[in-house]
N, C-alpha and C. Protein backbone atom coordinates (compact mmCIF):
# COMPACT_ATOMS: atom_id res chain seq x y z
N MET A 1 5.44 153.52 104.66
CA MET A 1 6.10 152.76 104.71
C MET A 1 7.30 153.08 104.14
N LYS A 2 8.51 152.85 104.25
CA LYS A 2 10.09 152.99 103.78
C LYS A 2 10.12 152.74 102.20
N VAL A 3 11.06 153.26 101.41
CA VAL A 3 11.38 152.86 100.14
C VAL A 3 11.56 151.35 100.19
N ARG A 4 12.75 150.99 100.62
CA ARG A 4 12.93 149.84 100.94
C ARG A 4 11.96 148.57 101.22
N GLN A 5 11.03 148.75 102.01
CA GLN A 5 10.13 148.19 102.57
C GLN A 5 9.44 147.75 101.38
N ARG A 6 8.93 149.04 100.91
CA ARG A 6 7.76 148.73 99.43
C ARG A 6 8.49 148.29 98.33
N SER A 7 10.27 148.34 97.95
CA SER A 7 10.41 147.50 97.41
C SER A 7 10.47 145.98 97.29
N VAL A 8 10.40 145.67 98.78
CA VAL A 8 10.25 144.33 99.26
C VAL A 8 9.03 143.89 99.24
N PHE A 9 8.33 144.76 99.28
CA PHE A 9 6.73 144.26 98.98
C PHE A 9 6.33 144.04 97.57
N LEU A 10 6.92 145.14 96.74
CA LEU A 10 6.75 144.83 95.20
C LEU A 10 7.53 143.46 94.77
N VAL A 11 8.25 143.32 95.27
CA VAL A 11 8.63 141.76 94.79
C VAL A 11 7.76 140.49 95.49
N LEU A 12 7.23 140.88 96.48
CA LEU A 12 6.45 139.79 97.10
C LEU A 12 5.13 139.63 96.10
N LEU A 13 4.86 141.13 95.99
CA LEU A 13 3.42 141.16 95.25
C LEU A 13 3.36 140.81 93.83
N LEU A 14 4.57 140.80 92.80
CA LEU A 14 4.81 140.45 91.84
C LEU A 14 4.73 138.66 91.72
N ILE A 15 5.26 138.24 92.93
CA ILE A 15 5.16 136.85 92.64
C ILE A 15 4.12 136.43 93.17
N MET A 16 3.11 137.27 94.11
CA MET A 16 1.57 136.50 93.87
C MET A 16 0.85 137.10 92.64
N LEU A 17 1.42 137.75 92.13
CA LEU A 17 0.30 138.17 91.09
C LEU A 17 0.47 137.44 90.15
N PHE A 18 1.63 136.20 89.71
CA PHE A 18 2.03 135.44 88.68
C PHE A 18 1.92 134.11 89.21
N SER A 19 1.53 133.74 90.49
CA SER A 19 1.18 132.69 91.03
C SER A 19 -0.18 132.27 91.46
N PHE A 20 -0.74 132.11 90.02
CA PHE A 20 -2.34 131.48 90.08
C PHE A 20 -2.52 130.25 90.61
N PRO A 21 -3.53 129.96 91.71
CA PRO A 21 -3.99 128.99 92.16
C PRO A 21 -5.00 127.95 90.99
N SER A 22 -4.91 126.87 91.39
CA SER A 22 -5.46 126.08 90.21
C SER A 22 -6.98 126.25 90.27
N VAL A 23 -7.57 126.55 91.36
CA VAL A 23 -8.99 126.94 91.35
C VAL A 23 -9.15 128.22 90.92
N ALA A 24 -8.37 129.04 89.92
CA ALA A 24 -8.95 129.93 89.30
C ALA A 24 -9.92 129.62 88.16
N SER A 25 -10.26 128.25 87.68
CA SER A 25 -11.05 128.30 86.86
C SER A 25 -12.11 128.57 87.37
N ALA A 26 -12.57 128.53 88.72
CA ALA A 26 -14.04 128.38 89.46
C ALA A 26 -14.29 129.69 89.58
N LYS A 27 -15.40 130.09 89.51
CA LYS A 27 -16.39 131.09 89.71
C LYS A 27 -16.01 131.38 91.29
N THR A 28 -15.29 133.04 91.53
CA THR A 28 -14.98 133.24 92.83
C THR A 28 -15.41 134.54 93.19
N ASP A 29 -16.73 134.98 92.32
CA ASP A 29 -17.13 136.32 92.92
C ASP A 29 -16.88 136.84 94.08
N ASP A 30 -16.94 136.35 95.09
CA ASP A 30 -16.90 136.60 96.45
C ASP A 30 -15.68 137.35 96.81
N TYR A 31 -14.39 136.74 95.87
CA TYR A 31 -13.19 137.33 96.04
C TYR A 31 -12.86 138.41 95.45
N GLY A 32 -13.51 138.81 94.44
CA GLY A 32 -13.37 139.77 93.61
C GLY A 32 -12.77 139.55 92.12
N TYR A 33 -12.72 138.25 91.70
CA TYR A 33 -12.05 137.74 90.20
C TYR A 33 -13.31 137.48 89.63
N ASN A 34 -13.04 137.76 88.27
CA ASN A 34 -14.00 137.89 87.21
C ASN A 34 -13.01 137.13 85.94
N PRO A 35 -13.43 135.80 85.96
CA PRO A 35 -12.56 135.16 84.66
C PRO A 35 -12.97 135.72 83.20
N GLN A 36 -14.27 136.24 83.21
CA GLN A 36 -14.50 136.55 81.89
C GLN A 36 -13.88 138.15 81.58
N ALA A 37 -13.96 138.95 82.63
CA ALA A 37 -13.35 140.19 82.34
C ALA A 37 -11.63 139.84 82.46
N ARG A 38 -11.39 139.11 82.92
CA ARG A 38 -10.07 139.04 83.30
C ARG A 38 -9.55 140.02 84.25
N SER A 39 -10.20 139.90 85.06
CA SER A 39 -9.61 140.88 86.57
C SER A 39 -9.77 140.38 87.87
N PHE A 40 -9.68 141.02 88.47
CA PHE A 40 -9.81 141.19 89.83
C PHE A 40 -9.82 142.32 91.02
N LYS A 41 -10.58 142.74 91.55
CA LYS A 41 -10.70 143.80 92.26
C LYS A 41 -11.27 143.32 93.87
N GLY A 42 -10.16 143.44 94.55
CA GLY A 42 -10.66 143.15 96.10
C GLY A 42 -9.37 143.75 97.13
N THR A 43 -9.28 143.19 97.88
CA THR A 43 -8.35 143.00 98.83
C THR A 43 -7.04 142.07 98.70
N LEU A 44 -6.00 142.83 99.24
CA LEU A 44 -4.58 141.51 98.78
C LEU A 44 -5.16 140.36 99.75
N ASP A 45 -5.58 140.57 100.88
CA ASP A 45 -5.86 139.72 101.82
C ASP A 45 -6.97 138.49 101.04
N ASN A 46 -7.83 138.83 100.30
CA ASN A 46 -8.70 137.75 99.69
C ASN A 46 -7.75 137.41 98.50
N TRP A 47 -7.23 138.12 97.68
CA TRP A 47 -6.01 137.68 96.89
C TRP A 47 -5.51 136.46 97.40
N GLU A 48 -4.78 136.66 98.40
CA GLU A 48 -4.06 135.69 99.13
C GLU A 48 -4.71 134.44 99.63
N ALA A 49 -6.19 134.83 100.08
CA ALA A 49 -6.93 133.81 100.52
C ALA A 49 -7.92 132.96 99.27
N PHE A 50 -7.85 133.39 97.89
CA PHE A 50 -7.96 132.99 96.90
C PHE A 50 -7.06 132.12 96.40
N MET A 51 -5.58 132.56 96.53
CA MET A 51 -4.61 131.46 96.30
C MET A 51 -4.37 130.39 96.85
N ARG A 52 -4.91 130.52 98.24
CA ARG A 52 -4.68 129.48 99.32
C ARG A 52 -6.04 128.37 99.27
N GLY A 53 -7.29 128.91 98.59
CA GLY A 53 -8.40 128.29 98.42
C GLY A 53 -8.98 127.98 99.87
N ALA A 54 -8.71 129.22 100.69
CA ALA A 54 -9.21 129.73 101.78
C ALA A 54 -10.81 130.76 101.24
N PRO A 55 -11.62 130.70 102.45
CA PRO A 55 -12.59 131.58 102.28
C PRO A 55 -12.51 133.27 102.35
N PRO A 56 -13.35 133.64 101.59
CA PRO A 56 -12.94 135.10 101.05
C PRO A 56 -13.56 135.79 102.58
N THR A 57 -13.30 137.12 102.92
CA THR A 57 -13.56 137.88 103.69
C THR A 57 -14.54 139.12 103.45
N PRO A 58 -15.08 139.53 104.20
CA PRO A 58 -16.00 140.85 103.42
C PRO A 58 -15.34 141.97 103.34
N VAL A 59 -15.30 142.92 102.03
CA VAL A 59 -14.34 143.86 102.11
C VAL A 59 -15.20 145.05 102.50
N ASP A 60 -14.59 146.05 103.23
CA ASP A 60 -14.89 147.29 103.80
C ASP A 60 -14.07 148.06 102.89
N TRP A 61 -14.65 148.71 101.58
CA TRP A 61 -14.04 149.71 100.78
C TRP A 61 -13.25 150.89 101.33
N LYS A 62 -13.49 151.19 102.52
CA LYS A 62 -13.36 152.47 103.27
C LYS A 62 -12.15 152.03 104.35
N ALA A 63 -12.04 150.71 104.69
CA ALA A 63 -11.22 150.31 105.84
C ALA A 63 -9.79 151.11 105.32
N LYS A 64 -9.28 151.42 106.80
CA LYS A 64 -7.84 152.05 107.16
C LYS A 64 -6.81 150.47 106.93
N ASP A 65 -5.65 151.07 106.71
CA ASP A 65 -4.50 150.12 106.71
C ASP A 65 -4.93 148.37 105.74
N VAL A 66 -5.89 148.57 104.72
CA VAL A 66 -6.20 147.49 104.12
C VAL A 66 -5.41 147.77 102.71
N ILE A 67 -4.84 146.58 102.29
CA ILE A 67 -4.23 146.96 100.58
C ILE A 67 -5.13 146.47 99.66
N PHE A 68 -5.85 147.07 99.02
CA PHE A 68 -6.67 147.05 97.80
C PHE A 68 -5.87 146.76 96.55
N ILE A 69 -6.65 145.81 95.70
CA ILE A 69 -6.01 145.68 94.68
C ILE A 69 -6.69 145.61 93.22
N GLU A 70 -6.37 146.02 92.45
CA GLU A 70 -7.55 146.09 91.33
C GLU A 70 -6.32 145.37 89.90
N ARG A 71 -6.61 144.16 89.37
CA ARG A 71 -5.46 143.75 88.33
C ARG A 71 -6.66 143.81 87.08
N LYS A 72 -6.04 143.65 85.90
CA LYS A 72 -6.49 143.54 84.85
C LYS A 72 -5.38 142.78 83.81
N TRP A 73 -5.91 141.68 82.82
CA TRP A 73 -4.71 141.28 82.05
C TRP A 73 -5.01 140.72 80.41
N ASP A 74 -4.83 140.65 79.57
CA ASP A 74 -5.13 140.30 78.36
C ASP A 74 -5.45 138.79 78.17
N LYS A 75 -6.04 138.56 77.09
CA LYS A 75 -6.03 136.93 76.80
C LYS A 75 -4.79 135.97 76.66
N ARG A 76 -4.02 136.91 76.18
CA ARG A 76 -2.81 135.95 76.13
C ARG A 76 -1.68 135.53 77.43
N PHE A 77 -2.30 136.44 78.40
CA PHE A 77 -2.08 136.54 79.47
C PHE A 77 -2.95 135.23 80.61
N ASP A 78 -3.53 134.63 79.76
CA ASP A 78 -4.71 133.66 80.65
C ASP A 78 -4.06 132.53 81.07
N PRO A 79 -3.01 131.69 80.06
CA PRO A 79 -2.56 130.75 80.29
C PRO A 79 -1.62 130.66 81.73
N MET A 80 -1.23 131.78 82.16
CA MET A 80 -0.90 132.08 83.57
C MET A 80 -1.65 131.46 84.84
N ILE A 81 -2.48 131.85 84.53
CA ILE A 81 -3.73 130.93 85.38
C ILE A 81 -3.38 129.71 85.81
N GLN A 82 -3.13 128.88 85.19
CA GLN A 82 -3.09 127.63 85.14
C GLN A 82 -1.54 127.27 85.58
N GLY A 83 -0.88 128.38 85.66
CA GLY A 83 0.71 128.05 86.01
C GLY A 83 1.54 127.97 84.61
N GLU A 84 0.76 128.29 83.29
CA GLU A 84 1.66 127.97 82.20
C GLU A 84 2.24 129.21 81.51
N PRO A 85 2.97 129.18 80.72
CA PRO A 85 3.87 130.64 80.24
C PRO A 85 2.76 131.13 79.71
N PRO A 86 2.68 132.58 79.18
CA PRO A 86 1.45 133.28 78.36
C PRO A 86 1.60 132.78 76.96
N ALA A 87 0.56 132.78 76.55
CA ALA A 87 0.25 132.40 75.08
C ALA A 87 1.17 133.16 74.11
N ALA A 88 1.73 134.50 74.34
CA ALA A 88 2.39 135.01 73.23
C ALA A 88 3.09 136.10 73.60
N PRO A 89 4.24 136.51 72.99
CA PRO A 89 4.92 137.61 73.14
C PRO A 89 3.88 138.81 73.56
N GLY A 90 4.12 139.88 74.34
CA GLY A 90 3.35 140.97 74.47
C GLY A 90 2.12 140.87 75.51
N ALA A 91 1.97 139.48 75.68
CA ALA A 91 1.03 139.40 76.99
C ALA A 91 1.33 140.45 78.00
N TRP A 92 0.39 141.05 78.56
CA TRP A 92 0.46 142.15 79.78
C TRP A 92 -0.57 141.96 80.84
N GLN A 93 -0.08 142.26 82.00
CA GLN A 93 -0.88 142.85 83.39
C GLN A 93 -0.53 143.79 83.50
N LYS A 94 -1.75 144.48 84.40
CA LYS A 94 -1.65 145.67 85.07
C LYS A 94 -2.15 145.61 86.59
N ALA A 95 -1.80 146.17 87.54
CA ALA A 95 -1.80 146.11 89.02
C ALA A 95 -2.02 147.55 89.53
N LYS A 96 -3.11 148.05 90.17
CA LYS A 96 -2.93 148.96 91.04
C LYS A 96 -3.65 148.56 92.58
N LEU A 97 -2.83 149.09 93.02
CA LEU A 97 -2.86 149.04 94.55
C LEU A 97 -3.10 150.50 95.48
N TRP A 98 -3.98 150.28 96.30
CA TRP A 98 -4.23 151.54 97.31
C TRP A 98 -4.35 151.25 98.57
N GLU A 99 -4.26 152.23 99.88
CA GLU A 99 -4.37 151.75 101.05
C GLU A 99 -4.38 153.04 101.69
N TYR A 100 -5.32 153.08 102.47
CA TYR A 100 -6.07 154.30 103.39
C TYR A 100 -5.18 153.83 104.56
N LEU A 101 -4.50 155.08 104.94
CA LEU A 101 -3.88 154.96 105.89
C LEU A 101 -4.12 155.48 107.34
N SER A 102 -3.36 155.05 108.24
CA SER A 102 -3.90 155.66 109.66
C SER A 102 -3.04 155.96 110.20
N GLY A 103 -3.00 156.60 111.51
CA GLY A 103 -1.82 157.07 112.68
C GLY A 103 -1.63 158.27 112.35
N ASP A 104 -0.27 158.49 112.25
CA ASP A 104 0.34 159.88 111.84
C ASP A 104 -0.21 160.30 110.29
N LYS A 105 -0.54 159.62 109.89
CA LYS A 105 -0.86 159.58 108.05
C LYS A 105 -2.40 159.37 107.78
N LEU A 106 -3.14 159.46 108.83
CA LEU A 106 -4.52 159.27 109.01
C LEU A 106 -4.68 160.15 108.02
N GLY A 107 -5.85 160.24 106.99
CA GLY A 107 -6.35 160.81 106.00
C GLY A 107 -5.51 160.46 104.55
N TRP A 108 -4.30 160.06 104.50
CA TRP A 108 -3.28 160.14 103.49
C TRP A 108 -3.65 158.83 102.72
N THR A 109 -3.43 158.53 101.68
CA THR A 109 -3.49 157.39 100.88
C THR A 109 -2.55 156.86 99.94
N TRP A 110 -2.15 155.64 100.09
CA TRP A 110 -0.80 155.35 99.36
C TRP A 110 -1.38 154.84 97.99
N HIS A 111 -0.60 154.62 96.92
CA HIS A 111 -0.70 154.29 95.87
C HIS A 111 0.06 153.51 95.12
N GLN A 112 -0.04 152.70 94.08
CA GLN A 112 1.11 151.81 93.57
C GLN A 112 0.30 151.47 92.15
N ALA A 113 1.07 151.46 91.14
CA ALA A 113 0.80 151.14 89.60
C ALA A 113 1.47 150.37 89.12
N LEU A 114 1.40 149.29 88.79
CA LEU A 114 2.51 148.23 87.91
C LEU A 114 1.76 147.76 86.48
N GLU A 115 2.92 147.49 85.71
CA GLU A 115 2.72 146.72 84.53
C GLU A 115 3.54 146.14 84.22
N VAL A 116 3.31 144.88 83.84
CA VAL A 116 4.32 144.06 82.98
C VAL A 116 3.99 143.37 81.74
N VAL A 117 5.09 143.36 81.01
CA VAL A 117 4.88 142.55 79.68
C VAL A 117 5.90 141.64 79.84
N TYR A 118 5.44 140.44 78.91
CA TYR A 118 5.98 138.99 78.65
C TYR A 118 6.60 139.16 77.15
N SER A 119 8.08 139.30 76.96
CA SER A 119 8.66 139.29 75.88
C SER A 119 9.85 138.04 76.13
N PRO A 120 9.46 137.28 75.69
CA PRO A 120 10.70 135.75 75.77
C PRO A 120 11.63 135.62 75.32
N ASN A 121 11.52 136.23 73.99
CA ASN A 121 12.77 136.21 72.90
C ASN A 121 13.46 137.36 72.97
N ARG A 122 12.85 138.95 73.06
CA ARG A 122 13.85 139.71 73.03
C ARG A 122 13.64 140.41 74.12
N PRO A 123 14.26 141.40 74.87
CA PRO A 123 14.22 142.23 75.92
C PRO A 123 13.97 143.51 75.59
N ILE A 124 13.51 144.09 76.34
CA ILE A 124 12.54 145.25 76.22
C ILE A 124 13.88 146.26 76.81
N PRO A 125 14.28 147.27 75.78
CA PRO A 125 15.05 148.14 76.41
C PRO A 125 14.64 149.36 77.62
N GLY A 126 15.13 149.05 78.34
CA GLY A 126 14.79 150.19 79.59
C GLY A 126 13.96 149.61 80.66
N ALA A 127 13.53 148.58 80.56
CA ALA A 127 12.04 147.97 81.27
C ALA A 127 12.75 147.50 82.18
N ILE A 128 12.22 147.25 83.31
CA ILE A 128 12.94 146.55 84.63
C ILE A 128 12.76 144.84 84.14
N VAL A 129 13.89 143.86 84.01
CA VAL A 129 13.68 142.62 84.16
C VAL A 129 13.41 142.32 85.59
N LEU A 130 12.30 141.34 85.26
CA LEU A 130 11.92 140.60 86.40
C LEU A 130 12.32 138.77 86.28
N THR A 131 13.05 138.54 87.31
CA THR A 131 13.54 137.52 87.25
C THR A 131 12.79 136.40 87.22
N PRO A 132 13.20 134.84 87.00
CA PRO A 132 12.47 133.84 87.24
C PRO A 132 12.11 133.27 88.52
N GLU A 133 12.97 133.68 89.55
CA GLU A 133 12.59 133.83 91.03
C GLU A 133 11.38 134.47 91.27
N GLU A 134 11.45 135.82 90.64
CA GLU A 134 10.22 136.46 90.71
C GLU A 134 8.93 136.25 90.51
N MET A 135 9.08 135.83 88.85
CA MET A 135 8.14 135.27 88.16
C MET A 135 7.73 133.87 88.10
N GLY A 136 8.67 133.11 88.24
CA GLY A 136 8.42 131.60 87.99
C GLY A 136 8.92 131.34 86.74
N ILE A 137 9.03 132.22 85.52
CA ILE A 137 9.70 132.13 84.08
C ILE A 137 10.26 132.84 83.84
N GLU A 138 11.07 132.93 82.70
CA GLU A 138 11.85 134.20 82.14
C GLU A 138 11.03 134.63 81.12
N GLY A 139 11.28 136.29 80.80
CA GLY A 139 10.46 136.90 79.68
C GLY A 139 9.74 137.95 80.10
N PHE A 140 9.76 138.20 81.62
CA PHE A 140 8.62 139.08 82.09
C PHE A 140 9.55 140.46 82.16
N TYR A 141 9.25 141.60 81.90
CA TYR A 141 9.86 143.00 81.91
C TYR A 141 8.75 143.63 82.94
N CYS A 142 9.09 144.78 83.70
CA CYS A 142 7.89 145.61 84.14
C CYS A 142 8.37 146.86 83.54
N VAL A 143 7.09 147.78 83.23
CA VAL A 143 7.16 148.74 82.04
C VAL A 143 6.75 149.95 82.64
N VAL A 144 5.70 149.72 83.66
CA VAL A 144 5.36 150.79 85.04
C VAL A 144 5.40 150.41 86.09
N MET A 145 6.06 151.43 87.13
CA MET A 145 6.13 151.45 88.20
C MET A 145 5.79 152.54 88.82
N GLU A 146 4.95 152.78 89.39
CA GLU A 146 4.40 154.34 89.93
C GLU A 146 4.08 154.40 91.08
N GLU A 147 4.50 154.85 92.10
CA GLU A 147 4.01 154.80 93.55
C GLU A 147 3.86 156.53 94.07
N TRP A 148 3.13 156.63 94.57
CA TRP A 148 2.35 158.18 95.11
C TRP A 148 1.69 157.98 96.43
N LEU A 149 1.67 159.22 97.17
CA LEU A 149 0.95 159.74 98.09
C LEU A 149 0.00 160.60 97.92
N VAL A 150 -1.36 160.80 98.58
CA VAL A 150 -2.11 161.93 98.70
C VAL A 150 -2.25 162.01 99.79
N ASP A 151 -2.41 163.25 100.25
CA ASP A 151 -2.73 163.82 101.55
C ASP A 151 -3.96 164.04 101.62
N PRO A 152 -4.49 164.16 102.76
CA PRO A 152 -5.84 164.57 103.08
C PRO A 152 -6.56 165.55 102.21
N HIS A 153 -5.75 166.72 101.29
CA HIS A 153 -6.33 167.52 100.76
C HIS A 153 -6.29 167.20 99.52
N GLY A 154 -5.69 166.45 99.09
CA GLY A 154 -5.76 166.14 97.65
C GLY A 154 -4.51 166.19 96.92
N LYS A 155 -3.38 166.65 97.50
CA LYS A 155 -2.27 166.94 97.15
C LYS A 155 -1.42 165.52 96.81
N LYS A 156 -1.22 165.51 95.81
CA LYS A 156 -0.08 164.08 95.28
C LYS A 156 1.44 164.33 95.49
N THR A 157 1.81 163.29 96.20
CA THR A 157 3.37 163.26 96.32
C THR A 157 4.20 161.94 95.49
N ILE A 158 4.74 162.39 94.66
CA ILE A 158 5.30 161.13 93.90
C ILE A 158 6.77 160.58 94.96
N VAL A 159 6.65 159.29 94.95
CA VAL A 159 7.36 158.75 95.28
C VAL A 159 8.05 157.81 94.07
N GLU A 160 7.51 157.32 93.27
CA GLU A 160 8.58 156.53 92.18
C GLU A 160 7.60 157.14 90.87
N ASP A 161 8.37 157.19 89.73
CA ASP A 161 7.69 157.18 88.37
C ASP A 161 8.44 156.57 87.29
N PHE A 162 8.23 155.57 87.15
CA PHE A 162 8.86 154.64 85.84
C PHE A 162 7.43 154.54 84.92
N ASN A 163 7.97 155.27 83.76
CA ASN A 163 6.89 154.71 82.54
C ASN A 163 7.72 154.43 81.36
N LEU A 164 7.76 153.67 80.85
CA LEU A 164 8.51 153.05 79.82
C LEU A 164 7.57 153.37 78.50
N LYS A 165 8.34 154.24 77.50
CA LYS A 165 7.28 154.52 76.63
C LYS A 165 6.76 153.27 75.58
N HIS A 166 5.71 153.39 74.98
CA HIS A 166 5.00 152.23 74.64
C HIS A 166 5.63 151.97 73.20
N ASN A 167 6.21 153.03 72.34
CA ASN A 167 6.71 153.02 71.34
C ASN A 167 7.96 151.86 71.40
N ILE A 168 8.64 152.26 72.57
CA ILE A 168 10.19 151.44 72.69
C ILE A 168 9.41 149.42 73.03
N ILE A 169 8.11 149.33 73.82
CA ILE A 169 7.73 147.85 74.06
C ILE A 169 7.25 147.80 72.66
N LYS A 170 6.83 148.20 71.66
CA LYS A 170 6.24 147.80 70.24
C LYS A 170 7.58 147.28 69.53
N ARG A 171 8.55 148.08 69.75
CA ARG A 171 9.79 148.00 68.65
C ARG A 171 10.23 146.79 69.28
N ALA A 172 10.69 146.41 70.45
CA ALA A 172 11.18 145.14 71.38
C ALA A 172 10.22 143.98 70.78
N LEU A 173 8.97 143.87 70.79
CA LEU A 173 8.06 142.91 70.17
C LEU A 173 8.15 142.59 68.77
N HIS A 174 8.55 143.70 68.09
CA HIS A 174 8.27 143.65 66.74
C HIS A 174 7.12 143.34 66.26
N TRP A 175 5.87 143.84 66.68
CA TRP A 175 4.72 143.52 66.82
C TRP A 175 3.70 144.97 66.63
N LYS A 176 3.18 145.55 65.58
CA LYS A 176 2.57 146.80 65.15
C LYS A 176 1.17 146.50 66.07
N GLY A 177 0.73 145.50 66.12
CA GLY A 177 -0.64 145.09 66.78
C GLY A 177 -0.81 144.96 68.16
N TRP A 178 0.47 145.28 68.98
CA TRP A 178 0.59 145.52 70.39
C TRP A 178 -0.38 146.17 71.03
N LYS A 179 -1.13 146.21 71.72
CA LYS A 179 -1.83 146.98 72.44
C LYS A 179 -2.28 146.46 74.02
N HIS A 180 -2.37 147.20 74.73
CA HIS A 180 -2.95 146.85 76.25
C HIS A 180 -4.42 147.99 76.33
């Protein structure tokens, strides 16, 4: 995909990542959601089905042209499951996406890694500001945005590499105990 298409995809993904359905408290292991571990691992299609309350589809972990997603978040982020703001500044969520490509890119794998942090009272210098339109509420910052391709021989080609240093995030949050 072209970089611009990926940027549009990123915005749509971020909206989906933070638009939790009300059924999130139900056990949905068939989708890939684990509420106790605060994680999700499955396909983007199953995440969308989960959000709509539609049935999940079986996952073929080697399928081509299917976007897979693995998400993890901390306890302070849990209120987002109910559509509420995170419990405290420093709440975070990570997402890793990958797709086994076909066609002229057969054998290639596309990857993307994202990390967002909630800081409603202080901006995080150098981070990418996520708007209320993208996230549903103010105060979110993207602190990691990486995108790369891996060719059939294992060679990694970097498309985008943005990583904010964690000491910058800690200083912005004024919280020495911030971990992720």
